[in-house]
Every structure is written in C-alpha cells, then in structure tokens.
Amino acid sequence: MSKDKKRGNYLLYSLVFLVLGFIFAFSYRTLGKDNSESAQSPTFQQEEQYRGELIAQKERNKELADEIQSKQVEIHKFEKSFSENEDNHSFLVNEAKDLRLLLGVIPAAGSGVRVTLMDGDYDPVEQNPNDYIVHESHVLRVVNELKISGAQGIAINGQRISSNSYIKCTGPVIKIDGRTFPAPFVIEAIGDSEVLSSSLNLSGGVIDGLVYENIVVTMEPMRDIRLPALRDES
C-alpha cells in the first residue's frame, strides 16, 4: 500500500472517531439534563411525596394493628375478671339468702318434710307418764338432725325457729321462744325431702330412737311448705 493511501485511511478514521465522540458527548449532556429536569419537575416531586406518605401510613397502620391486639388482650382479661367476680357475687348472694333462711328473718317456701310427734299410749296407774310424753329432748333431736341434713328453714307448730331459739318442756306442753304449744308437735322443714327423710329414717337413727322411747312418730314428704318469718308470727 502506498504512503498516500495510508495517510488517507488515517485521516478517515480520525474523522469518524471525532464525529462519534461529538455524538456521545452531546447525548450524555442531553440525557443528563433531561434526568435532572425530570427530578425537579412538579409531577416527580408529587409522586415522591405520595410515596413517602404511603410508607408512613403503612407504618401507622401496623402500629394501630398492634395497639388493637393489645387492647383485645386487655378486654379479654377484663371480661374474664368480670365473669369471675359476677360468679363470686352470685355465690355470695345465694349464701346470704341461705343464712337469712336459717336465721328465720325472711319467709321460706318450698318442698321438704313434715314430722309429727305425739305422746304414746300409756296406763297412768301402772306406767310413768313421763316415759310416754314428748319432751324437749325429743323435739331437739329431730330439729338438730334436720339442720345437719341441710334444712333451709324449720318451724314447730307454725313457730319459726332460728339458731338462737330455745325449747323448754313444761309438763305436757313445750315452750318455744316463750310461746307455749301443746302436743302433737308438728315440725316442718324446707329442703331436699329425700335427703331429710333418709337422714331421719337411718337405722338406729332419730326416728328409731323416738319409737323406742314410746313416742308416736309420723313423717311425710311435702311438695309445698310455707314458713313465716320470725317477725311475722301472727
């Protein structure tokens, strides 16, 4: 190849590289300028603002969800505590009612048993009348057994008795809290009639002992017994 031809090729390549360099430089400046202008445009800034607000809202929603879960746990604990207190309150109310019934300060009604004690037949010439008459000890045996068996209220001949009541024998009659009652002595008790009857009828128990001591005893379950309160004795 001649020197003139080599020189021509060299000039041609130099011109091509120069033009390409100019094109690359112009394109870079143009694109960089466009990107800078786009970053500073109102639309781009608004989109960035919305994006930031969305991220902040998502974080706030997570915080609220955690707070709701925490409150639900607290509510569950409160409901459980309230339920336990309510059950406790109901238990105390029922216990107070049972105590009032036992004390006789409120009227009582319900099923139960009626036990009647009568003097036994005897010959006053040959036999001692005291061995056939109902005494206070006989009445107290029945009353105490009924209390032990869960009686909620007890009355003798319509006279309501309480834990402070006293029963005293005076010949053929007995006095209950100062009031005199003749035989027969009708003892009424409110409670589970099957339990009360079974307790009195135990072999060798109260009724067997009374019969052995010549007392006439009758007992019957009752569906509806009504006992007055202590202050309602009329």
Protein backbone atom coordinates (compact mmCIF):
# COMPACT_ATOMS: atom_id res chain seq x y z
CA MET A 1 0.00 0.00 0.00
CA SER A 2 1.30 3.47 -0.88
CA LYS A 3 2.04 6.11 1.67
CA ASP A 4 -0.65 8.38 0.29
CA LYS A 5 -3.27 5.73 0.69
CA LYS A 6 -2.23 5.00 4.32
CA ARG A 7 -2.37 8.66 5.11
CA GLY A 8 -5.88 8.88 3.63
CA ASN A 9 -7.13 5.98 5.77
CA TYR A 10 -5.68 7.53 8.87
CA LEU A 11 -7.44 10.82 8.22
CA LEU A 12 -10.71 8.99 7.54
CA TYR A 13 -10.56 7.04 10.84
CA SER A 14 -9.67 10.17 12.76
CA LEU A 15 -12.67 11.96 11.31
CA VAL A 16 -15.00 9.06 12.18
CA PHE A 17 -13.78 8.90 15.80
CA LEU A 18 -14.11 12.63 16.14
CA VAL A 19 -17.69 12.56 14.95
CA LEU A 20 -18.59 9.64 17.28
CA GLY A 21 -17.03 11.41 20.25
CA PHE A 22 -19.01 14.53 19.49
CA ILE A 23 -22.25 12.48 19.28
CA PHE A 24 -21.58 10.69 22.60
CA ALA A 25 -20.79 13.93 24.40
CA PHE A 26 -23.92 15.64 23.06
CA SER A 27 -26.14 12.67 24.01
CA TYR A 28 -24.76 12.49 27.58
CA ARG A 29 -25.33 16.19 28.17
CA THR A 30 -28.84 15.97 26.76
CA LEU A 31 -29.89 12.88 28.79
CA GLY A 32 -28.32 14.19 32.00
CA LYS A 33 -30.12 17.45 31.55
CA ASP A 34 -33.43 15.64 30.94
CA ASN A 35 -32.99 13.48 34.05
CA SER A 36 -32.17 16.50 36.18
CA GLU A 37 -35.14 18.38 34.85
CA SER A 38 -37.40 15.33 35.43
CA ALA A 39 -36.22 15.02 39.04
CA GLN A 40 -37.06 18.67 39.61
CA SER A 41 -40.44 18.57 37.87
CA PRO A 42 -43.66 19.07 39.98
CA THR A 43 -45.06 15.70 38.88
CA PHE A 44 -41.98 13.79 40.07
CA GLN A 45 -41.91 15.64 43.39
CA GLN A 46 -45.62 14.96 43.94
CA GLU A 47 -45.10 11.26 43.25
CA GLU A 48 -42.24 11.19 45.76
CA GLN A 49 -44.46 12.91 48.32
CA TYR A 50 -47.25 10.38 47.80
CA ARG A 51 -44.78 7.52 48.06
CA GLY A 52 -43.47 8.86 51.38
CA GLU A 53 -46.98 9.37 52.73
CA LEU A 54 -47.93 5.83 51.72
CA ILE A 55 -44.92 4.37 53.53
CA ALA A 56 -45.73 6.45 56.63
CA GLN A 57 -49.39 5.34 56.52
CA LYS A 58 -48.37 1.68 56.29
CA GLU A 59 -46.18 2.09 59.36
CA ARG A 60 -49.02 3.84 61.22
CA ASN A 61 -51.46 1.05 60.27
CA LYS A 62 -49.05 -1.52 61.70
CA GLU A 63 -48.80 0.48 64.94
CA LEU A 64 -52.62 0.66 65.16
CA ALA A 65 -52.96 -3.08 64.49
CA ASP A 66 -50.51 -3.83 67.30
CA GLU A 67 -52.41 -1.46 69.60
CA ILE A 68 -55.75 -3.10 68.74
CA GLN A 69 -54.32 -6.53 69.51
CA SER A 70 -53.02 -5.26 72.85
CA LYS A 71 -56.42 -3.76 73.71
CA GLN A 72 -58.15 -7.02 72.79
CA VAL A 73 -55.92 -8.87 75.24
CA GLU A 74 -56.81 -6.34 77.95
CA ILE A 75 -60.53 -6.67 77.16
CA HIS A 76 -60.30 -10.46 77.39
CA LYS A 77 -58.64 -10.19 80.79
CA PHE A 78 -61.31 -7.73 81.96
CA GLU A 79 -64.15 -9.94 80.73
CA LYS A 80 -62.63 -12.94 82.49
CA SER A 81 -62.21 -10.96 85.72
CA PHE A 82 -65.75 -9.58 85.45
CA SER A 83 -67.16 -13.08 84.87
CA GLU A 84 -65.30 -14.43 87.92
CA ASN A 85 -66.48 -11.50 90.06
CA GLU A 86 -70.04 -11.98 88.81
CA ASP A 87 -69.96 -15.68 89.70
CA ASN A 88 -68.47 -14.78 93.08
CA HIS A 89 -71.19 -12.17 93.59
CA SER A 90 -73.93 -14.69 92.74
CA PHE A 91 -72.40 -17.18 95.16
CA LEU A 92 -72.32 -14.57 97.95
CA VAL A 93 -75.93 -13.54 97.25
CA ASN A 94 -77.11 -17.16 97.44
CA GLU A 95 -75.07 -17.74 100.59
CA ALA A 96 -76.58 -14.63 102.22
CA LYS A 97 -80.07 -15.84 101.28
CA ASP A 98 -79.39 -19.25 102.83
CA LEU A 99 -78.19 -17.57 106.02
CA ARG A 100 -81.34 -15.43 106.19
CA LEU A 101 -83.44 -18.55 105.78
CA LEU A 102 -81.57 -20.31 108.57
CA LEU A 103 -81.90 -17.28 110.82
CA GLY A 104 -85.61 -17.11 110.03
CA VAL A 105 -85.58 -13.40 109.16
CA ILE A 106 -87.35 -13.98 105.82
CA PRO A 107 -90.30 -16.25 104.94
CA ALA A 108 -89.46 -19.58 103.35
CA ALA A 109 -91.34 -21.75 100.88
CA GLY A 110 -90.56 -24.97 99.09
CA SER A 111 -90.61 -28.73 99.34
CA GLY A 112 -89.50 -30.63 102.43
CA VAL A 113 -90.82 -32.90 105.15
CA ARG A 114 -93.36 -32.77 107.95
CA VAL A 115 -92.65 -34.73 111.13
CA THR A 116 -95.34 -35.11 113.80
CA LEU A 117 -94.52 -36.18 117.37
CA MET A 118 -97.31 -37.38 119.67
CA ASP A 119 -97.46 -38.79 123.17
CA GLY A 120 -97.58 -42.58 123.36
CA ASP A 121 -100.48 -44.51 124.85
CA TYR A 122 -99.93 -45.48 128.47
CA ASP A 123 -101.74 -46.64 131.60
CA PRO A 124 -101.39 -43.84 134.19
CA VAL A 125 -102.00 -46.34 137.00
CA GLU A 126 -99.22 -48.75 136.10
CA GLN A 127 -96.87 -46.67 133.95
CA ASN A 128 -94.95 -43.42 134.43
CA PRO A 129 -96.47 -40.73 132.13
CA ASN A 130 -93.07 -39.08 131.64
CA ASP A 131 -91.94 -42.19 129.79
CA TYR A 132 -94.64 -41.64 127.12
CA ILE A 133 -94.74 -37.85 126.80
CA VAL A 134 -92.92 -35.87 124.13
CA HIS A 135 -90.18 -33.84 125.81
CA GLU A 136 -87.95 -31.05 124.57
CA SER A 137 -85.11 -33.54 124.03
CA HIS A 138 -87.24 -35.45 121.52
CA VAL A 139 -88.08 -32.29 119.57
CA LEU A 140 -84.47 -31.13 119.62
CA ARG A 141 -83.27 -34.44 118.24
CA VAL A 142 -85.49 -34.05 115.20
CA VAL A 143 -84.62 -30.37 114.76
CA ASN A 144 -80.88 -30.94 115.02
CA GLU A 145 -80.97 -33.84 112.54
CA LEU A 146 -82.90 -31.69 110.07
CA LYS A 147 -80.35 -28.88 110.40
CA ILE A 148 -77.46 -31.28 109.87
CA SER A 149 -79.21 -32.68 106.79
CA GLY A 150 -79.41 -29.26 105.15
CA ALA A 151 -82.83 -27.92 106.09
CA GLN A 152 -83.12 -24.27 105.00
CA GLY A 153 -85.91 -23.38 107.38
CA ILE A 154 -87.72 -25.07 110.29
CA ALA A 155 -90.93 -24.35 112.19
CA ILE A 156 -92.66 -26.09 115.09
CA ASN A 157 -96.45 -25.78 115.21
CA GLY A 158 -96.10 -22.78 112.88
CA GLN A 159 -93.48 -21.08 115.08
CA ARG A 160 -90.35 -20.33 113.05
CA ILE A 161 -87.15 -21.21 114.87
CA SER A 162 -83.63 -19.90 114.44
CA SER A 163 -80.18 -20.76 115.71
CA ASN A 164 -80.96 -18.69 118.83
CA SER A 165 -84.33 -20.30 119.57
CA TYR A 166 -84.79 -22.15 122.86
CA ILE A 167 -87.16 -25.01 123.52
CA LYS A 168 -88.21 -25.93 127.04
CA CYS A 169 -90.52 -28.66 128.26
CA THR A 170 -93.19 -27.75 130.83
CA GLY A 171 -95.23 -30.83 131.65
CA PRO A 172 -97.33 -31.91 128.66
CA VAL A 173 -96.51 -28.74 126.72
CA ILE A 174 -93.33 -27.12 125.42
CA LYS A 175 -92.30 -23.51 125.15
CA ILE A 176 -90.59 -22.21 122.02
CA ASP A 177 -89.06 -18.76 122.40
CA GLY A 178 -91.54 -18.02 125.19
CA ARG A 179 -94.65 -19.28 123.39
CA THR A 180 -96.49 -22.37 124.68
CA PHE A 181 -97.54 -25.20 122.38
CA PRO A 182 -99.40 -28.42 123.28
CA ALA A 183 -98.92 -31.80 121.65
CA PRO A 184 -98.95 -33.01 118.96
CA PHE A 185 -95.81 -31.20 117.79
CA VAL A 186 -95.65 -30.68 114.04
CA ILE A 187 -92.14 -29.98 112.79
CA GLU A 188 -91.91 -28.70 109.23
CA ALA A 189 -88.63 -28.32 107.39
CA ILE A 190 -87.83 -26.98 103.92
CA GLY A 191 -85.08 -28.72 101.96
CA ASP A 192 -84.40 -31.79 99.87
CA SER A 193 -87.21 -34.10 101.01
CA GLU A 194 -85.35 -37.27 100.02
CA VAL A 195 -82.23 -36.28 101.94
CA LEU A 196 -84.17 -35.14 105.00
CA SER A 197 -86.32 -38.29 105.05
CA SER A 198 -83.33 -40.58 104.60
CA SER A 199 -81.43 -38.91 107.43
CA LEU A 200 -84.32 -39.29 109.88
CA ASN A 201 -85.01 -42.88 108.81
CA LEU A 202 -81.46 -44.18 109.22
CA SER A 203 -81.33 -47.50 111.00
CA GLY A 204 -80.77 -46.80 114.68
CA GLY A 205 -81.20 -43.09 113.98
CA VAL A 206 -83.57 -40.42 115.26
CA ILE A 207 -86.91 -41.98 114.44
CA ASP A 208 -85.89 -45.43 115.66
CA GLY A 209 -84.75 -43.84 118.94
CA LEU A 210 -88.01 -41.93 119.38
CA VAL A 211 -90.13 -45.01 118.73
CA TYR A 212 -88.01 -46.94 121.24
CA GLU A 213 -88.85 -44.24 123.79
CA ASN A 214 -92.60 -44.70 123.20
CA ILE A 215 -93.09 -41.59 121.04
CA VAL A 216 -95.52 -41.84 118.14
CA VAL A 217 -93.75 -40.50 115.02
CA THR A 218 -95.17 -39.87 111.57
CA MET A 219 -93.26 -38.36 108.68
CA GLU A 220 -94.35 -37.39 105.18
CA PRO A 221 -92.64 -35.58 102.31
CA MET A 222 -94.27 -32.30 101.33
CA ARG A 223 -94.24 -30.52 97.97
CA ASP A 224 -95.24 -27.13 99.30
CA ILE A 225 -94.32 -25.92 102.78
CA ARG A 226 -94.61 -22.24 103.75
CA LEU A 227 -92.87 -20.92 106.83
CA PRO A 228 -93.37 -17.41 108.25
CA ALA A 229 -90.51 -15.12 109.20
CA LEU A 230 -89.70 -14.68 112.89
CA ARG A 231 -91.23 -11.20 112.96
CA ASP A 232 -94.31 -12.39 111.09
CA GLU A 233 -95.79 -14.64 113.76
CA SER A 234 -99.42 -13.57 113.60
